[in-house]
Amino acid sequence: MSRYTGLFALALLLLINFPLLSFFNTSKSWAGIPVLYFYLFALWLALILGLALATKPNKNNTKT
């Protein structure tokens, strides 16, 4: 489980790195939202959902 959260955190850090942020920093908008803000909020949502799935308790893990 910690391996997946580590890989997910590394991927997130790479996606928030400067070259990709500058790619989305345009004057265009999508549904009235600037593309950069949409990209950042989509990454934030992906972080929340990914960590929720990674930390979900395993149903097959039974303690005796």
PDB file of N, CA and C in Angstrom:
ATOM      1  N   MET A   1       0.826  -1.192   0.000  1.00  0.00           N
ATOM      2  CA  MET A   1       0.000   0.000   0.000  1.00  0.00           C
ATOM      3  C   MET A   1       0.870   1.256   0.000  1.00  0.00           C
ATOM      4  N   SER A   2       1.912   1.307   0.833  1.00  0.00           N
ATOM      5  CA  SER A   2       2.742   2.502   0.878  1.00  0.00           C
ATOM      6  C   SER A   2       3.523   2.681  -0.415  1.00  0.00           C
ATOM      7  N   ARG A   3       3.774   1.568  -1.123  1.00  0.00           N
ATOM      8  CA  ARG A   3       4.468   1.674  -2.401  1.00  0.00           C
ATOM      9  C   ARG A   3       3.621   2.447  -3.404  1.00  0.00           C
ATOM     10  N   TYR A   4       2.323   2.150  -3.436  1.00  0.00           N
ATOM     11  CA  TYR A   4       1.435   2.837  -4.373  1.00  0.00           C
ATOM     12  C   TYR A   4       1.255   4.304  -4.005  1.00  0.00           C
ATOM     13  N   THR A   5       1.170   4.607  -2.730  1.00  0.00           N
ATOM     14  CA  THR A   5       1.027   6.013  -2.342  1.00  0.00           C
ATOM     15  C   THR A   5       2.303   6.778  -2.659  1.00  0.00           C
ATOM     16  N   GLY A   6       3.460   6.132  -2.526  1.00  0.00           N
ATOM     17  CA  GLY A   6       4.718   6.781  -2.886  1.00  0.00           C
ATOM     18  C   GLY A   6       4.812   7.054  -4.372  1.00  0.00           C
ATOM     19  N   LEU A   7       4.424   6.081  -5.173  1.00  0.00           N
ATOM     20  CA  LEU A   7       4.425   6.278  -6.628  1.00  0.00           C
ATOM     21  C   LEU A   7       3.413   7.343  -7.046  1.00  0.00           C
ATOM     22  N   PHE A   8       2.272   7.349  -6.377  1.00  0.00           N
ATOM     23  CA  PHE A   8       1.246   8.345  -6.677  1.00  0.00           C
ATOM     24  C   PHE A   8       1.741   9.749  -6.321  1.00  0.00           C
ATOM     25  N   ALA A   9       2.422   9.877  -5.182  1.00  0.00           N
ATOM     26  CA  ALA A   9       2.960  11.173  -4.776  1.00  0.00           C
ATOM     27  C   ALA A   9       4.036  11.644  -5.744  1.00  0.00           C
ATOM     28  N   LEU A  10       4.882  10.732  -6.200  1.00  0.00           N
ATOM     29  CA  LEU A  10       5.920  11.095  -7.165  1.00  0.00           C
ATOM     30  C   LEU A  10       5.308  11.553  -8.485  1.00  0.00           C
ATOM     31  N   ALA A  11       4.283  10.836  -8.942  1.00  0.00           N
ATOM     32  CA  ALA A  11       3.609  11.231 -10.182  1.00  0.00           C
ATOM     33  C   ALA A  11       2.957  12.593 -10.027  1.00  0.00           C
ATOM     34  N   LEU A  12       2.375  12.841  -8.860  1.00  0.00           N
ATOM     35  CA  LEU A  12       1.739  14.133  -8.629  1.00  0.00           C
ATOM     36  C   LEU A  12       2.768  15.257  -8.621  1.00  0.00           C
ATOM     37  N   LEU A  13       3.913  15.020  -8.005  1.00  0.00           N
ATOM     38  CA  LEU A  13       4.963  16.037  -8.013  1.00  0.00           C
ATOM     39  C   LEU A  13       5.460  16.326  -9.423  1.00  0.00           C
ATOM     40  N   LEU A  14       5.555  15.299 -10.246  1.00  0.00           N
ATOM     41  CA  LEU A  14       5.980  15.522 -11.627  1.00  0.00           C
ATOM     42  C   LEU A  14       4.926  16.290 -12.418  1.00  0.00           C
ATOM     43  N   LEU A  15       3.652  16.047 -12.126  1.00  0.00           N
ATOM     44  CA  LEU A  15       2.585  16.739 -12.850  1.00  0.00           C
ATOM     45  C   LEU A  15       2.438  18.195 -12.417  1.00  0.00           C
ATOM     46  N   ILE A  16       2.921  18.538 -11.221  1.00  0.00           N
ATOM     47  CA  ILE A  16       2.830  19.920 -10.745  1.00  0.00           C
ATOM     48  C   ILE A  16       4.143  20.661 -10.997  1.00  0.00           C
ATOM     49  N   ASN A  17       5.076  20.040 -11.668  1.00  0.00           N
ATOM     50  CA  ASN A  17       6.352  20.651 -11.966  1.00  0.00           C
ATOM     51  C   ASN A  17       6.174  21.793 -12.980  1.00  0.00           C
ATOM     52  N   PHE A  18       7.158  22.691 -13.020  1.00  0.00           N
ATOM     53  CA  PHE A  18       7.043  23.909 -13.832  1.00  0.00           C
ATOM     54  C   PHE A  18       6.759  23.679 -15.315  1.00  0.00           C
ATOM     55  N   PRO A  19       7.440  22.784 -16.008  1.00  0.00           N
ATOM     56  CA  PRO A  19       7.164  22.698 -17.458  1.00  0.00           C
ATOM     57  C   PRO A  19       5.704  22.397 -17.779  1.00  0.00           C
ATOM     58  N   LEU A  20       5.064  21.518 -17.026  1.00  0.00           N
ATOM     59  CA  LEU A  20       3.661  21.225 -17.312  1.00  0.00           C
ATOM     60  C   LEU A  20       2.750  22.372 -16.891  1.00  0.00           C
ATOM     61  N   LEU A  21       3.071  23.038 -15.805  1.00  0.00           N
ATOM     62  CA  LEU A  21       2.242  24.184 -15.397  1.00  0.00           C
ATOM     63  C   LEU A  21       2.314  25.298 -16.430  1.00  0.00           C
ATOM     64  N   SER A  22       3.486  25.529 -16.995  1.00  0.00           N
ATOM     65  CA  SER A  22       3.600  26.575 -18.015  1.00  0.00           C
ATOM     66  C   SER A  22       2.852  26.184 -19.290  1.00  0.00           C
ATOM     67  N   PHE A  23       2.741  24.887 -19.551  1.00  0.00           N
ATOM     68  CA  PHE A  23       1.977  24.430 -20.711  1.00  0.00           C
ATOM     69  C   PHE A  23       0.496  24.781 -20.574  1.00  0.00           C
ATOM     70  N   PHE A  24      -0.050  24.681 -19.356  1.00  0.00           N
ATOM     71  CA  PHE A  24      -1.462  24.968 -19.132  1.00  0.00           C
ATOM     72  C   PHE A  24      -1.738  26.430 -18.806  1.00  0.00           C
ATOM     73  N   ASN A  25      -0.705  27.244 -18.681  1.00  0.00           N
ATOM     74  CA  ASN A  25      -0.878  28.653 -18.358  1.00  0.00           C
ATOM     75  C   ASN A  25      -1.135  29.446 -19.640  1.00  0.00           C
ATOM     76  N   THR A  26      -2.360  29.362 -20.130  1.00  0.00           N
ATOM     77  CA  THR A  26      -2.738  30.072 -21.345  1.00  0.00           C
ATOM     78  C   THR A  26      -3.904  31.010 -21.029  1.00  0.00           C
ATOM     79  N   SER A  27      -4.239  31.845 -21.966  1.00  0.00           N
ATOM     80  CA  SER A  27      -5.363  32.762 -21.769  1.00  0.00           C
ATOM     81  C   SER A  27      -6.699  32.111 -22.120  1.00  0.00           C
ATOM     82  N   LYS A  28      -6.662  30.874 -22.541  1.00  0.00           N
ATOM     83  CA  LYS A  28      -7.902  30.173 -22.897  1.00  0.00           C
ATOM     84  C   LYS A  28      -8.614  29.699 -21.644  1.00  0.00           C
ATOM     85  N   SER A  29      -9.910  29.417 -21.811  1.00  0.00           N
ATOM     86  CA  SER A  29     -10.678  28.894 -20.684  1.00  0.00           C
ATOM     87  C   SER A  29     -11.548  27.748 -21.160  1.00  0.00           C
ATOM     88  N   TRP A  30     -11.906  26.901 -20.212  1.00  0.00           N
ATOM     89  CA  TRP A  30     -12.766  25.764 -20.491  1.00  0.00           C
ATOM     90  C   TRP A  30     -13.963  25.877 -19.566  1.00  0.00           C
ATOM     91  N   ALA A  31     -15.137  26.025 -20.122  1.00  0.00           N
ATOM     92  CA  ALA A  31     -16.386  26.224 -19.365  1.00  0.00           C
ATOM     93  C   ALA A  31     -16.281  27.439 -18.454  1.00  0.00           C
ATOM     94  N   GLY A  32     -15.585  28.458 -18.898  1.00  0.00           N
ATOM     95  CA  GLY A  32     -15.452  29.680 -18.127  1.00  0.00           C
ATOM     96  C   GLY A  32     -14.362  29.633 -17.067  1.00  0.00           C
ATOM     97  N   ILE A  33     -13.672  28.515 -16.945  1.00  0.00           N
ATOM     98  CA  ILE A  33     -12.608  28.362 -15.956  1.00  0.00           C
ATOM     99  C   ILE A  33     -11.271  28.389 -16.696  1.00  0.00           C
ATOM    100  N   PRO A  34     -10.318  29.196 -16.229  1.00  0.00           N
ATOM    101  CA  PRO A  34      -9.003  29.175 -16.884  1.00  0.00           C
ATOM    102  C   PRO A  34      -8.410  27.765 -16.868  1.00  0.00           C
ATOM    103  N   VAL A  35      -7.707  27.415 -17.928  1.00  0.00           N
ATOM    104  CA  VAL A  35      -7.194  26.064 -18.098  1.00  0.00           C
ATOM    105  C   VAL A  35      -6.251  25.680 -16.961  1.00  0.00           C
ATOM    106  N   LEU A  36      -5.421  26.604 -16.499  1.00  0.00           N
ATOM    107  CA  LEU A  36      -4.487  26.308 -15.415  1.00  0.00           C
ATOM    108  C   LEU A  36      -5.238  25.955 -14.131  1.00  0.00           C
ATOM    109  N   TYR A  37      -6.273  26.710 -13.805  1.00  0.00           N
ATOM    110  CA  TYR A  37      -7.052  26.417 -12.597  1.00  0.00           C
ATOM    111  C   TYR A  37      -7.780  25.082 -12.736  1.00  0.00           C
ATOM    112  N   PHE A  38      -8.307  24.808 -13.901  1.00  0.00           N
ATOM    113  CA  PHE A  38      -8.985  23.531 -14.128  1.00  0.00           C
ATOM    114  C   PHE A  38      -8.008  22.372 -13.967  1.00  0.00           C
ATOM    115  N   TYR A  39      -6.806  22.518 -14.495  1.00  0.00           N
ATOM    116  CA  TYR A  39      -5.779  21.480 -14.379  1.00  0.00           C
ATOM    117  C   TYR A  39      -5.405  21.255 -12.918  1.00  0.00           C
ATOM    118  N   LEU A  40      -5.188  22.316 -12.169  1.00  0.00           N
ATOM    119  CA  LEU A  40      -4.802  22.175 -10.761  1.00  0.00           C
ATOM    120  C   LEU A  40      -5.910  21.544  -9.928  1.00  0.00           C
ATOM    121  N   PHE A  41      -7.148  21.950 -10.146  1.00  0.00           N
ATOM    122  CA  PHE A  41      -8.248  21.360  -9.386  1.00  0.00           C
ATOM    123  C   PHE A  41      -8.502  19.909  -9.792  1.00  0.00           C
ATOM    124  N   ALA A  42      -8.270  19.567 -11.057  1.00  0.00           N
ATOM    125  CA  ALA A  42      -8.406  18.174 -11.484  1.00  0.00           C
ATOM    126  C   ALA A  42      -7.328  17.312 -10.824  1.00  0.00           C
ATOM    127  N   LEU A  43      -6.105  17.838 -10.707  1.00  0.00           N
ATOM    128  CA  LEU A  43      -5.051  17.107 -10.011  1.00  0.00           C
ATOM    129  C   LEU A  43      -5.362  16.958  -8.528  1.00  0.00           C
ATOM    130  N   TRP A  44      -5.920  17.986  -7.933  1.00  0.00           N
ATOM    131  CA  TRP A  44      -6.297  17.938  -6.526  1.00  0.00           C
ATOM    132  C   TRP A  44      -7.364  16.862  -6.300  1.00  0.00           C
ATOM    133  N   LEU A  45      -8.348  16.813  -7.186  1.00  0.00           N
ATOM    134  CA  LEU A  45      -9.383  15.789  -7.094  1.00  0.00           C
ATOM    135  C   LEU A  45      -8.786  14.397  -7.285  1.00  0.00           C
ATOM    136  N   ALA A  46      -7.866  14.254  -8.223  1.00  0.00           N
ATOM    137  CA  ALA A  46      -7.210  12.968  -8.444  1.00  0.00           C
ATOM    138  C   ALA A  46      -6.403  12.549  -7.215  1.00  0.00           C
ATOM    139  N   LEU A  47      -5.772  13.507  -6.554  1.00  0.00           N
ATOM    140  CA  LEU A  47      -5.026  13.210  -5.331  1.00  0.00           C
ATOM    141  C   LEU A  47      -5.952  12.689  -4.240  1.00  0.00           C
ATOM    142  N   ILE A  48      -7.066  13.345  -4.038  1.00  0.00           N
ATOM    143  CA  ILE A  48      -8.016  12.933  -3.008  1.00  0.00           C
ATOM    144  C   ILE A  48      -8.579  11.552  -3.317  1.00  0.00           C
ATOM    145  N   LEU A  49      -9.008  11.326  -4.545  1.00  0.00           N
ATOM    146  CA  LEU A  49      -9.570  10.027  -4.910  1.00  0.00           C
ATOM    147  C   LEU A  49      -8.522   8.919  -4.880  1.00  0.00           C
ATOM    148  N   GLY A  50      -7.329   9.209  -5.341  1.00  0.00           N
ATOM    149  CA  GLY A  50      -6.273   8.199  -5.346  1.00  0.00           C
ATOM    150  C   GLY A  50      -5.861   7.799  -3.939  1.00  0.00           C
ATOM    151  N   LEU A  51      -5.733   8.753  -3.047  1.00  0.00           N
ATOM    152  CA  LEU A  51      -5.376   8.417  -1.676  1.00  0.00           C
ATOM    153  C   LEU A  51      -6.518   7.726  -0.949  1.00  0.00           C
ATOM    154  N   ALA A  52      -7.743   8.075  -1.271  1.00  0.00           N
ATOM    155  CA  ALA A  52      -8.885   7.388  -0.658  1.00  0.00           C
ATOM    156  C   ALA A  52      -8.921   5.928  -1.085  1.00  0.00           C
ATOM    157  N   LEU A  53      -8.630   5.669  -2.353  1.00  0.00           N
ATOM    158  CA  LEU A  53      -8.606   4.285  -2.826  1.00  0.00           C
ATOM    159  C   LEU A  53      -7.404   3.519  -2.278  1.00  0.00           C
ATOM    160  N   ALA A  54      -6.269   4.197  -2.136  1.00  0.00           N
ATOM    161  CA  ALA A  54      -5.064   3.531  -1.656  1.00  0.00           C
ATOM    162  C   ALA A  54      -5.148   3.199  -0.171  1.00  0.00           C
ATOM    163  N   THR A  55      -5.869   3.990   0.590  1.00  0.00           N
ATOM    164  CA  THR A  55      -5.948   3.757   2.030  1.00  0.00           C
ATOM    165  C   THR A  55      -7.225   3.045   2.435  1.00  0.00           C
ATOM    166  N   LYS A  56      -8.003   2.605   1.466  1.00  0.00           N
ATOM    167  CA  LYS A  56      -9.231   1.875   1.766  1.00  0.00           C
ATOM    168  C   LYS A  56      -8.878   0.551   2.434  1.00  0.00           C
ATOM    169  N   PRO A  57      -9.568   0.214   3.527  1.00  0.00           N
ATOM    170  CA  PRO A  57      -9.239  -1.037   4.204  1.00  0.00           C
ATOM    171  C   PRO A  57      -9.544  -2.249   3.325  1.00  0.00           C
ATOM    172  N   ASN A  58      -8.729  -3.258   3.477  1.00  0.00           N
ATOM    173  CA  ASN A  58      -8.875  -4.481   2.701  1.00  0.00           C
ATOM    174  C   ASN A  58      -9.932  -5.371   3.366  1.00  0.00           C
ATOM    175  N   LYS A  59     -10.935  -5.800   2.623  1.00  0.00           N
ATOM    176  CA  LYS A  59     -12.010  -6.633   3.177  1.00  0.00           C
ATOM    177  C   LYS A  59     -11.533  -8.051   3.472  1.00  0.00           C
ATOM    178  N   ASN A  60     -10.486  -8.504   2.763  1.00  0.00           N
ATOM    179  CA  ASN A  60      -9.993  -9.858   2.953  1.00  0.00           C
ATOM    180  C   ASN A  60      -9.053  -9.977   4.146  1.00  0.00           C
ATOM    181  N   ASN A  61      -8.659  -8.858   4.708  1.00  0.00           N
ATOM    182  CA  ASN A  61      -7.744  -8.864   5.837  1.00  0.00           C
ATOM    183  C   ASN A  61      -8.537  -9.080   7.124  1.00  0.00           C
ATOM    184  N   THR A  62      -8.490 -10.287   7.640  1.00  0.00           N
ATOM    185  CA  THR A  62      -9.214 -10.579   8.875  1.00  0.00           C
ATOM    186  C   THR A  62      -8.207 -10.838   9.984  1.00  0.00           C
ATOM    187  N   LYS A  63      -8.453 -10.245  11.115  1.00  0.00           N
ATOM    188  CA  LYS A  63      -7.578 -10.434  12.265  1.00  0.00           C
ATOM    189  C   LYS A  63      -8.142 -11.545  13.144  1.00  0.00           C
ATOM    190  N   THR A  64      -7.245 -12.391  13.616  1.00  0.00           N
ATOM    191  CA  THR A  64      -7.688 -13.490  14.501  1.00  0.00           C
ATOM    192  C   THR A  64      -7.046 -13.348  15.854  1.00  0.00           C
TER     193      THR A  64
END
